[in-house]
Structure formats: C-alpha cells, structure tokens
Amino acid sequence: MARGWESKSVEAQQSEALQKSSEVRPRMSAEAAARARERETLRLARQRVLQQLEKSQNIRHRSLLEKELADLDQKLASTGSS
C-alpha cells in the first residue's frame, strides 16, 4: 500500500515538473542574460570563499578571504541595483 502511494506521489511530482518546464517563459535579452550569468558567477564565487573561510586556520589566509568576500559582496550589490 505504501509503495503504491509513494509511486503516485512521484508520478504527480514528475508530471508537475514537466508541466512547469513546458510553460512558455519570456525570453531574456542578451544583456539581461549576461547580467544573470555574472550574478550567478559572483554568487558561486562567494559560496566558494565562504567554504574556504570555514576551513581556514591561517590568520593571513582568513584575512585575505574576508577581503575577497567583502569585494564579492560589493560586486553583488552593484549588479543587483543595475
């Protein structure tokens, strides 16, 4: 019984995902797509720096990472406002 219910749930989720992916979305301009890619690149770089900061033990390295993080935050803020 539980297995049948589970498969129906999965089937419903797959159907919903397919429906969402087939919906027509407005096309982004080349400029908007470039801004979105830049923002995503900055977001991923920020995530990488945060992970390194969590693991870093060296004070100098931590200081460098904190400066890099502040720089990425500034760039993210400037891309969000434009």
PDB file of N, CA and C in Angstrom:
ATOM      1  N   MET A   1       0.832  -1.191   0.000  1.00  0.00           N
ATOM      2  CA  MET A   1       0.000   0.000   0.000  1.00  0.00           C
ATOM      3  C   MET A   1       0.874   1.250   0.000  1.00  0.00           C
ATOM      4  N   ALA A   2       1.837   1.302   0.896  1.00  0.00           N
ATOM      5  CA  ALA A   2       2.691   2.483   0.983  1.00  0.00           C
ATOM      6  C   ALA A   2       3.487   2.665  -0.303  1.00  0.00           C
ATOM      7  N   ARG A   3       3.903   1.570  -0.899  1.00  0.00           N
ATOM      8  CA  ARG A   3       4.696   1.658  -2.115  1.00  0.00           C
ATOM      9  C   ARG A   3       3.870   2.251  -3.257  1.00  0.00           C
ATOM     10  N   GLY A   4       2.615   1.839  -3.379  1.00  0.00           N
ATOM     11  CA  GLY A   4       1.739   2.384  -4.412  1.00  0.00           C
ATOM     12  C   GLY A   4       1.499   3.864  -4.217  1.00  0.00           C
ATOM     13  N   TRP A   5       1.292   4.276  -2.989  1.00  0.00           N
ATOM     14  CA  TRP A   5       1.078   5.696  -2.683  1.00  0.00           C
ATOM     15  C   TRP A   5       2.325   6.508  -3.032  1.00  0.00           C
ATOM     16  N   GLU A   6       3.481   5.943  -2.694  1.00  0.00           N
ATOM     17  CA  GLU A   6       4.737   6.626  -2.969  1.00  0.00           C
ATOM     18  C   GLU A   6       4.930   6.821  -4.471  1.00  0.00           C
ATOM     19  N   SER A   7       4.640   5.798  -5.269  1.00  0.00           N
ATOM     20  CA  SER A   7       4.833   5.914  -6.712  1.00  0.00           C
ATOM     21  C   SER A   7       3.856   6.911  -7.320  1.00  0.00           C
ATOM     22  N   LYS A   8       2.646   7.014  -6.754  1.00  0.00           N
ATOM     23  CA  LYS A   8       1.686   8.004  -7.250  1.00  0.00           C
ATOM     24  C   LYS A   8       2.195   9.408  -6.950  1.00  0.00           C
ATOM     25  N   SER A   9       2.795   9.572  -5.784  1.00  0.00           N
ATOM     26  CA  SER A   9       3.349  10.873  -5.410  1.00  0.00           C
ATOM     27  C   SER A   9       4.488  11.257  -6.360  1.00  0.00           C
ATOM     28  N   VAL A  10       5.355  10.311  -6.652  1.00  0.00           N
ATOM     29  CA  VAL A  10       6.473  10.563  -7.569  1.00  0.00           C
ATOM     30  C   VAL A  10       5.942  10.896  -8.954  1.00  0.00           C
ATOM     31  N   GLU A  11       4.923  10.151  -9.375  1.00  0.00           N
ATOM     32  CA  GLU A  11       4.325  10.396 -10.691  1.00  0.00           C
ATOM     33  C   GLU A  11       3.728  11.801 -10.751  1.00  0.00           C
ATOM     34  N   ALA A  12       3.072  12.228  -9.688  1.00  0.00           N
ATOM     35  CA  ALA A  12       2.487  13.563  -9.646  1.00  0.00           C
ATOM     36  C   ALA A  12       3.579  14.629  -9.682  1.00  0.00           C
ATOM     37  N   GLN A  13       4.681  14.392  -8.968  1.00  0.00           N
ATOM     38  CA  GLN A  13       5.785  15.350  -8.959  1.00  0.00           C
ATOM     39  C   GLN A  13       6.419  15.464 -10.343  1.00  0.00           C
ATOM     40  N   GLN A  14       6.581  14.332 -11.009  1.00  0.00           N
ATOM     41  CA  GLN A  14       7.175  14.349 -12.343  1.00  0.00           C
ATOM     42  C   GLN A  14       6.258  15.063 -13.325  1.00  0.00           C
ATOM     43  N   SER A  15       4.967  14.828 -13.204  1.00  0.00           N
ATOM     44  CA  SER A  15       4.003  15.478 -14.074  1.00  0.00           C
ATOM     45  C   SER A  15       4.025  16.989 -13.867  1.00  0.00           C
ATOM     46  N   GLU A  16       4.083  17.402 -12.614  1.00  0.00           N
ATOM     47  CA  GLU A  16       4.121  18.822 -12.283  1.00  0.00           C
ATOM     48  C   GLU A  16       5.406  19.467 -12.815  1.00  0.00           C
ATOM     49  N   ALA A  17       6.527  18.783 -12.665  1.00  0.00           N
ATOM     50  CA  ALA A  17       7.806  19.311 -13.153  1.00  0.00           C
ATOM     51  C   ALA A  17       7.782  19.454 -14.670  1.00  0.00           C
ATOM     52  N   LEU A  18       7.213  18.477 -15.349  1.00  0.00           N
ATOM     53  CA  LEU A  18       7.125  18.528 -16.805  1.00  0.00           C
ATOM     54  C   LEU A  18       6.243  19.686 -17.240  1.00  0.00           C
ATOM     55  N   GLN A  19       5.147  19.892 -16.537  1.00  0.00           N
ATOM     56  CA  GLN A  19       4.236  20.984 -16.870  1.00  0.00           C
ATOM     57  C   GLN A  19       4.918  22.336 -16.667  1.00  0.00           C
ATOM     58  N   LYS A  20       5.654  22.488 -15.573  1.00  0.00           N
ATOM     59  CA  LYS A  20       6.352  23.742 -15.300  1.00  0.00           C
ATOM     60  C   LYS A  20       7.427  24.017 -16.346  1.00  0.00           C
ATOM     61  N   SER A  21       8.144  22.962 -16.762  1.00  0.00           N
ATOM     62  CA  SER A  21       9.219  23.163 -17.728  1.00  0.00           C
ATOM     63  C   SER A  21       8.681  23.471 -19.119  1.00  0.00           C
ATOM     64  N   SER A  22       7.449  23.058 -19.404  1.00  0.00           N
ATOM     65  CA  SER A  22       6.898  23.302 -20.735  1.00  0.00           C
ATOM     66  C   SER A  22       6.190  24.651 -20.833  1.00  0.00           C
ATOM     67  N   GLU A  23       6.014  25.346 -19.705  1.00  0.00           N
ATOM     68  CA  GLU A  23       5.384  26.659 -19.734  1.00  0.00           C
ATOM     69  C   GLU A  23       6.285  27.638 -20.479  1.00  0.00           C
ATOM     70  N   VAL A  24       5.668  28.505 -21.244  1.00  0.00           N
ATOM     71  CA  VAL A  24       6.420  29.477 -22.026  1.00  0.00           C
ATOM     72  C   VAL A  24       6.842  30.620 -21.109  1.00  0.00           C
ATOM     73  N   ARG A  25       8.131  30.851 -21.090  1.00  0.00           N
ATOM     74  CA  ARG A  25       8.677  31.949 -20.305  1.00  0.00           C
ATOM     75  C   ARG A  25       9.155  33.038 -21.255  1.00  0.00           C
ATOM     76  N   PRO A  26       9.046  34.276 -20.845  1.00  0.00           N
ATOM     77  CA  PRO A  26       9.534  35.343 -21.721  1.00  0.00           C
ATOM     78  C   PRO A  26      11.038  35.207 -21.931  1.00  0.00           C
ATOM     79  N   ARG A  27      11.450  35.440 -23.135  1.00  0.00           N
ATOM     80  CA  ARG A  27      12.863  35.317 -23.477  1.00  0.00           C
ATOM     81  C   ARG A  27      13.647  36.499 -22.922  1.00  0.00           C
ATOM     82  N   MET A  28      14.813  36.189 -22.366  1.00  0.00           N
ATOM     83  CA  MET A  28      15.675  37.241 -21.812  1.00  0.00           C
ATOM     84  C   MET A  28      16.465  37.894 -22.946  1.00  0.00           C
ATOM     85  N   SER A  29      16.714  39.165 -22.791  1.00  0.00           N
ATOM     86  CA  SER A  29      17.581  39.826 -23.762  1.00  0.00           C
ATOM     87  C   SER A  29      19.017  39.356 -23.505  1.00  0.00           C
ATOM     88  N   ALA A  30      19.872  39.566 -24.467  1.00  0.00           N
ATOM     89  CA  ALA A  30      21.270  39.156 -24.317  1.00  0.00           C
ATOM     90  C   ALA A  30      21.914  39.862 -23.128  1.00  0.00           C
ATOM     91  N   GLU A  31      21.567  41.130 -22.949  1.00  0.00           N
ATOM     92  CA  GLU A  31      22.129  41.908 -21.842  1.00  0.00           C
ATOM     93  C   GLU A  31      21.641  41.363 -20.493  1.00  0.00           C
ATOM     94  N   ALA A  32      20.365  41.036 -20.405  1.00  0.00           N
ATOM     95  CA  ALA A  32      19.812  40.501 -19.160  1.00  0.00           C
ATOM     96  C   ALA A  32      20.414  39.126 -18.854  1.00  0.00           C
ATOM     97  N   ALA A  33      20.608  38.316 -19.880  1.00  0.00           N
ATOM     98  CA  ALA A  33      21.212  37.000 -19.691  1.00  0.00           C
ATOM     99  C   ALA A  33      22.653  37.139 -19.203  1.00  0.00           C
ATOM    100  N   ALA A  34      23.380  38.099 -19.752  1.00  0.00           N
ATOM    101  CA  ALA A  34      24.763  38.327 -19.330  1.00  0.00           C
ATOM    102  C   ALA A  34      24.813  38.779 -17.872  1.00  0.00           C
ATOM    103  N   ARG A  35      23.887  39.651 -17.482  1.00  0.00           N
ATOM    104  CA  ARG A  35      23.833  40.092 -16.076  1.00  0.00           C
ATOM    105  C   ARG A  35      23.503  38.928 -15.153  1.00  0.00           C
ATOM    106  N   ALA A  36      22.577  38.072 -15.576  1.00  0.00           N
ATOM    107  CA  ALA A  36      22.202  36.921 -14.755  1.00  0.00           C
ATOM    108  C   ALA A  36      23.383  35.958 -14.606  1.00  0.00           C
ATOM    109  N   ARG A  37      24.126  35.740 -15.696  1.00  0.00           N
ATOM    110  CA  ARG A  37      25.302  34.864 -15.618  1.00  0.00           C
ATOM    111  C   ARG A  37      26.362  35.461 -14.706  1.00  0.00           C
ATOM    112  N   GLU A  38      26.581  36.769 -14.821  1.00  0.00           N
ATOM    113  CA  GLU A  38      27.577  37.432 -13.974  1.00  0.00           C
ATOM    114  C   GLU A  38      27.189  37.334 -12.503  1.00  0.00           C
ATOM    115  N   ARG A  39      25.920  37.558 -12.216  1.00  0.00           N
ATOM    116  CA  ARG A  39      25.443  37.478 -10.838  1.00  0.00           C
ATOM    117  C   ARG A  39      25.598  36.052 -10.296  1.00  0.00           C
ATOM    118  N   GLU A  40      25.277  35.056 -11.107  1.00  0.00           N
ATOM    119  CA  GLU A  40      25.415  33.658 -10.678  1.00  0.00           C
ATOM    120  C   GLU A  40      26.883  33.304 -10.452  1.00  0.00           C
ATOM    121  N   THR A  41      27.764  33.801 -11.307  1.00  0.00           N
ATOM    122  CA  THR A  41      29.200  33.565 -11.145  1.00  0.00           C
ATOM    123  C   THR A  41      29.697  34.174  -9.833  1.00  0.00           C
ATOM    124  N   LEU A  42      29.260  35.387  -9.547  1.00  0.00           N
ATOM    125  CA  LEU A  42      29.652  36.046  -8.299  1.00  0.00           C
ATOM    126  C   LEU A  42      29.089  35.296  -7.089  1.00  0.00           C
ATOM    127  N   ARG A  43      27.853  34.830  -7.194  1.00  0.00           N
ATOM    128  CA  ARG A  43      27.232  34.096  -6.099  1.00  0.00           C
ATOM    129  C   ARG A  43      27.992  32.799  -5.806  1.00  0.00           C
ATOM    130  N   LEU A  44      28.383  32.093  -6.868  1.00  0.00           N
ATOM    131  CA  LEU A  44      29.133  30.848  -6.691  1.00  0.00           C
ATOM    132  C   LEU A  44      30.529  31.117  -6.122  1.00  0.00           C
ATOM    133  N   ALA A  45      31.164  32.187  -6.572  1.00  0.00           N
ATOM    134  CA  ALA A  45      32.483  32.550  -6.045  1.00  0.00           C
ATOM    135  C   ALA A  45      32.377  32.888  -4.557  1.00  0.00           C
ATOM    136  N   ARG A  46      31.309  33.581  -4.181  1.00  0.00           N
ATOM    137  CA  ARG A  46      31.091  33.933  -2.775  1.00  0.00           C
ATOM    138  C   ARG A  46      30.905  32.665  -1.943  1.00  0.00           C
ATOM    139  N   GLN A  47      30.147  31.717  -2.469  1.00  0.00           N
ATOM    140  CA  GLN A  47      29.931  30.455  -1.770  1.00  0.00           C
ATOM    141  C   GLN A  47      31.250  29.705  -1.580  1.00  0.00           C
ATOM    142  N   ARG A  48      32.097  29.706  -2.612  1.00  0.00           N
ATOM    143  CA  ARG A  48      33.397  29.041  -2.524  1.00  0.00           C
ATOM    144  C   ARG A  48      34.270  29.693  -1.454  1.00  0.00           C
ATOM    145  N   VAL A  49      34.280  31.031  -1.421  1.00  0.00           N
ATOM    146  CA  VAL A  49      35.086  31.752  -0.433  1.00  0.00           C
ATOM    147  C   VAL A  49      34.586  31.456   0.984  1.00  0.00           C
ATOM    148  N   LEU A  50      33.273  31.404   1.156  1.00  0.00           N
ATOM    149  CA  LEU A  50      32.729  31.082   2.480  1.00  0.00           C
ATOM    150  C   LEU A  50      33.150  29.690   2.937  1.00  0.00           C
ATOM    151  N   GLN A  51      33.145  28.736   2.011  1.00  0.00           N
ATOM    152  CA  GLN A  51      33.571  27.377   2.362  1.00  0.00           C
ATOM    153  C   GLN A  51      35.038  27.357   2.755  1.00  0.00           C
ATOM    154  N   GLN A  52      35.861  28.097   2.025  1.00  0.00           N
ATOM    155  CA  GLN A  52      37.285  28.152   2.355  1.00  0.00           C
ATOM    156  C   GLN A  52      37.503  28.839   3.698  1.00  0.00           C
ATOM    157  N   LEU A  53      36.711  29.862   3.958  1.00  0.00           N
ATOM    158  CA  LEU A  53      36.827  30.608   5.212  1.00  0.00           C
ATOM    159  C   LEU A  53      36.488  29.717   6.414  1.00  0.00           C
ATOM    160  N   GLU A  54      35.504  28.839   6.233  1.00  0.00           N
ATOM    161  CA  GLU A  54      35.140  27.919   7.316  1.00  0.00           C
ATOM    162  C   GLU A  54      36.289  26.979   7.668  1.00  0.00           C
ATOM    163  N   LYS A  55      37.073  26.590   6.676  1.00  0.00           N
ATOM    164  CA  LYS A  55      38.134  25.599   6.878  1.00  0.00           C
ATOM    165  C   LYS A  55      39.487  26.217   7.217  1.00  0.00           C
ATOM    166  N   SER A  56      39.644  27.487   6.923  1.00  0.00           N
ATOM    167  CA  SER A  56      40.950  28.125   7.070  1.00  0.00           C
ATOM    168  C   SER A  56      41.330  28.309   8.543  1.00  0.00           C
ATOM    169  N   GLN A  57      42.586  27.998   8.828  1.00  0.00           N
ATOM    170  CA  GLN A  57      43.128  28.175  10.168  1.00  0.00           C
ATOM    171  C   GLN A  57      44.146  29.321  10.207  1.00  0.00           C
ATOM    172  N   ASN A  58      44.744  29.611   9.061  1.00  0.00           N
ATOM    173  CA  ASN A  58      45.787  30.619   8.968  1.00  0.00           C
ATOM    174  C   ASN A  58      45.175  32.021   8.998  1.00  0.00           C
ATOM    175  N   ILE A  59      45.679  32.848   9.893  1.00  0.00           N
ATOM    176  CA  ILE A  59      45.142  34.200  10.078  1.00  0.00           C
ATOM    177  C   ILE A  59      45.292  35.034   8.803  1.00  0.00           C
ATOM    178  N   ARG A  60      46.442  34.953   8.156  1.00  0.00           N
ATOM    179  CA  ARG A  60      46.661  35.733   6.929  1.00  0.00           C
ATOM    180  C   ARG A  60      45.725  35.284   5.812  1.00  0.00           C
ATOM    181  N   HIS A  61      45.550  33.984   5.690  1.00  0.00           N
ATOM    182  CA  HIS A  61      44.655  33.460   4.663  1.00  0.00           C
ATOM    183  C   HIS A  61      43.211  33.871   4.951  1.00  0.00           C
ATOM    184  N   ARG A  62      42.817  33.814   6.222  1.00  0.00           N
ATOM    185  CA  ARG A  62      41.468  34.235   6.606  1.00  0.00           C
ATOM    186  C   ARG A  62      41.255  35.706   6.294  1.00  0.00           C
ATOM    187  N   SER A  63      42.258  36.512   6.555  1.00  0.00           N
ATOM    188  CA  SER A  63      42.162  37.944   6.271  1.00  0.00           C
ATOM    189  C   SER A  63      41.977  38.188   4.771  1.00  0.00           C
ATOM    190  N   LEU A  64      42.737  37.473   3.967  1.00  0.00           N
ATOM    191  CA  LEU A  64      42.622  37.585   2.522  1.00  0.00           C
ATOM    192  C   LEU A  64      41.227  37.156   2.053  1.00  0.00           C
ATOM    193  N   LEU A  65      40.730  36.059   2.607  1.00  0.00           N
ATOM    194  CA  LEU A  65      39.404  35.567   2.239  1.00  0.00           C
ATOM    195  C   LEU A  65      38.305  36.542   2.660  1.00  0.00           C
ATOM    196  N   GLU A  66      38.462  37.169   3.827  1.00  0.00           N
ATOM    197  CA  GLU A  66      37.474  38.141   4.288  1.00  0.00           C
ATOM    198  C   GLU A  66      37.439  39.362   3.370  1.00  0.00           C
ATOM    199  N   LYS A  67      38.608  39.789   2.892  1.00  0.00           N
ATOM    200  CA  LYS A  67      38.657  40.915   1.941  1.00  0.00           C
ATOM    201  C   LYS A  67      38.011  40.525   0.617  1.00  0.00           C
ATOM    202  N   GLU A  68      38.279  39.308   0.176  1.00  0.00           N
ATOM    203  CA  GLU A  68      37.682  38.824  -1.069  1.00  0.00           C
ATOM    204  C   GLU A  68      36.163  38.722  -0.931  1.00  0.00           C
ATOM    205  N   LEU A  69      35.708  38.281   0.220  1.00  0.00           N
ATOM    206  CA  LEU A  69      34.280  38.174   0.478  1.00  0.00           C
ATOM    207  C   LEU A  69      33.614  39.556   0.453  1.00  0.00           C
ATOM    208  N   ALA A  70      34.259  40.534   1.062  1.00  0.00           N
ATOM    209  CA  ALA A  70      33.726  41.899   1.058  1.00  0.00           C
ATOM    210  C   ALA A  70      33.666  42.440  -0.370  1.00  0.00           C
ATOM    211  N   ASP A  71      34.682  42.153  -1.163  1.00  0.00           N
ATOM    212  CA  ASP A  71      34.709  42.596  -2.554  1.00  0.00           C
ATOM    213  C   ASP A  71      33.575  41.941  -3.357  1.00  0.00           C
ATOM    214  N   LEU A  72      33.377  40.643  -3.144  1.00  0.00           N
ATOM    215  CA  LEU A  72      32.294  39.942  -3.851  1.00  0.00           C
ATOM    216  C   LEU A  72      30.926  40.477  -3.426  1.00  0.00           C
ATOM    217  N   ASP A  73      30.772  40.763  -2.138  1.00  0.00           N
ATOM    218  CA  ASP A  73      29.506  41.327  -1.660  1.00  0.00           C
ATOM    219  C   ASP A  73      29.227  42.680  -2.310  1.00  0.00           C
ATOM    220  N   GLN A  74      30.274  43.489  -2.442  1.00  0.00           N
ATOM    221  CA  GLN A  74      30.132  44.793  -3.085  1.00  0.00           C
ATOM    222  C   GLN A  74      29.740  44.633  -4.547  1.00  0.00           C
ATOM    223  N   LYS A  75      30.380  43.715  -5.243  1.00  0.00           N
ATOM    224  CA  LYS A  75      30.055  43.485  -6.651  1.00  0.00           C
ATOM    225  C   LYS A  75      28.633  42.949  -6.810  1.00  0.00           C
ATOM    226  N   LEU A  76      28.231  42.049  -5.913  1.00  0.00           N
ATOM    227  CA  LEU A  76      26.864  41.523  -5.964  1.00  0.00           C
ATOM    228  C   LEU A  76      25.844  42.636  -5.727  1.00  0.00           C
ATOM    229  N   ALA A  77      26.141  43.517  -4.799  1.00  0.00           N
ATOM    230  CA  ALA A  77      25.231  44.625  -4.511  1.00  0.00           C
ATOM    231  C   ALA A  77      25.121  45.552  -5.724  1.00  0.00           C
ATOM    232  N   SER A  78      26.227  45.771  -6.410  1.00  0.00           N
ATOM    233  CA  SER A  78      26.189  46.670  -7.574  1.00  0.00           C
ATOM    234  C   SER A  78      25.490  46.022  -8.764  1.00  0.00           C
ATOM    235  N   THR A  79      25.565  44.699  -8.904  1.00  0.00           N
ATOM    236  CA  THR A  79      24.854  44.049 -10.006  1.00  0.00           C
ATOM    237  C   THR A  79      23.366  43.941  -9.704  1.00  0.00           C
ATOM    238  N   GLY A  80      23.012  43.921  -8.440  1.00  0.00           N
ATOM    239  CA  GLY A  80      21.605  43.836  -8.075  1.00  0.00           C
ATOM    240  C   GLY A  80      20.878  45.144  -8.290  1.00  0.00           C
ATOM    241  N   SER A  81      21.573  46.246  -8.206  1.00  0.00           N
ATOM    242  CA  SER A  81      20.931  47.557  -8.335  1.00  0.00           C
ATOM    243  C   SER A  81      20.830  48.030  -9.776  1.00  0.00           C
ATOM    244  N   SER A  82      21.603  47.411 -10.679  1.00  0.00           N
ATOM    245  CA  SER A  82      21.555  47.884 -12.064  1.00  0.00           C
ATOM    246  C   SER A  82      20.602  47.109 -12.914  1.00  0.00           C
TER     247      SER A  82
END
